[in-house]
Amino acid sequence: MSSTQKSSRFGQFLALTGAVSALAFALVAAPLGAAPALAADESEAVEFSTPSHLASHDLLLSATMAGTRMVAVGQFGHVIHSDDGGKTWVQAKSVPTQVTLTSVSFVSDKIGYAGGHDSTVLRTEDAGDTWTSVYHNIDSQAPIMTVYFTDENHGFAMGAFSFVIETSDGGKTWEQRELIPGSNGDSHLNKAFATNAGTILVSAEFGKVFRSTDKGVTFSEITSGYEGSFWGGMSLKDGSVLVYGMRGNVYRSTDDGLTWAKINSGTDKSVSGGWELDNGTIVLVGLQGYVGYSTNGGTDFTEVTRADRLGYVAVLPGADNTISVFGEPGVKSQPDEASKAAEEVGFKFSTSGT
């Protein structure tokens, strides 16, 4: 595949996965070469993310929990967090980058990692208040799409065209590797996460799910039966697993990711993110204002379409029976029940899965 074809395909991918026109603002991905896996170059001039009262209203591309704290990342190196269930948001004090951040993950309530454009990886040890750059290789031009750590020291950053780097010392040093040696794959690696059993799964393009039962030492390629892109995935409390992506395709596994079956998601809108609430409700979010609720373990979903029709990529549990959804307009709050969300002004009750 030529660099022009790769750049075109990745531009289309960004426009879809980000669900927003803002994502098309600029990334032109070059083919991956044998770029050295270097730690962040401390000699480079560092541009810090600028404080902005719009940080919670600009494009956000990933969100997760750091203990009881909500943390989200997005464009311009913005990192925001909330300690009151999403009622108020505070911008991180120090973030040494202005690139778009696409992924954030915490291995404890304090230690977390974020990844983004220009092969950027950041680390925090204070629940997202301050960050340090632990990897930056602009020469590779490979955007990081997902970060996942098995513990505080060992983890991966993965991204476009099968780009993978791995660290065993908390980001002090990194090595570039192939997910499966000799595979010569160029799939975008979109989301890495663990099942309840500790198996690492990576949702990717072409209906692929990569699976590791040895903490990432080796991976095998699992064929789901779907030919499109999977943009995300999540583990459920009952031990099952969901992966989801384009055109409302949601697949479920009940054997730790070995085999997959398509479920009726109740929508044809592309799905980007999800979370399981404490009460067992599963919430998915995606393009065109899609928010889907399931109260039966992900067997089917009820769709409540936001009137803004904007793209959303992540969802977290909020205070007072709410959820926070993250995407094109920053962060928004709505009820954690489909019926209540549908009753609110600004929401349209759309469809129900069967």
Foldseek 3Di string as FASTA:
>chain_A
DALVVQQVVVLVVQCFQQLDPVSNPDQRAGAADPFFFWWDDPPDDWDKQDDDPCLQFAFWAEWDALDQKIWTFFAQGWIWIDNAFPPDIDTAPTGRHGHTWHEKDAQHSAWIWTWFWQGWIWITRGNRNYIDTLGGHNVNRWGFQYKDAPHQFWIWTFFFQQWIWITRGNRNGIGTDGLAPPPSGGWTFHYWDAFPLGWIWTFTAQQWIWIDPPRSPHIDIAHAVHGGGWRYKDYAPVRKIWTFFAQTWIWIDNPRPRYIDTAFAFTGFTWAEWDQDPQGWIWTFFAQQWIWIDNPNPNYTFTKRFLVGGTWHYKDGGPPQWIWTGHRRRIDIAHVDLVRRCPDPRIPRDGITD
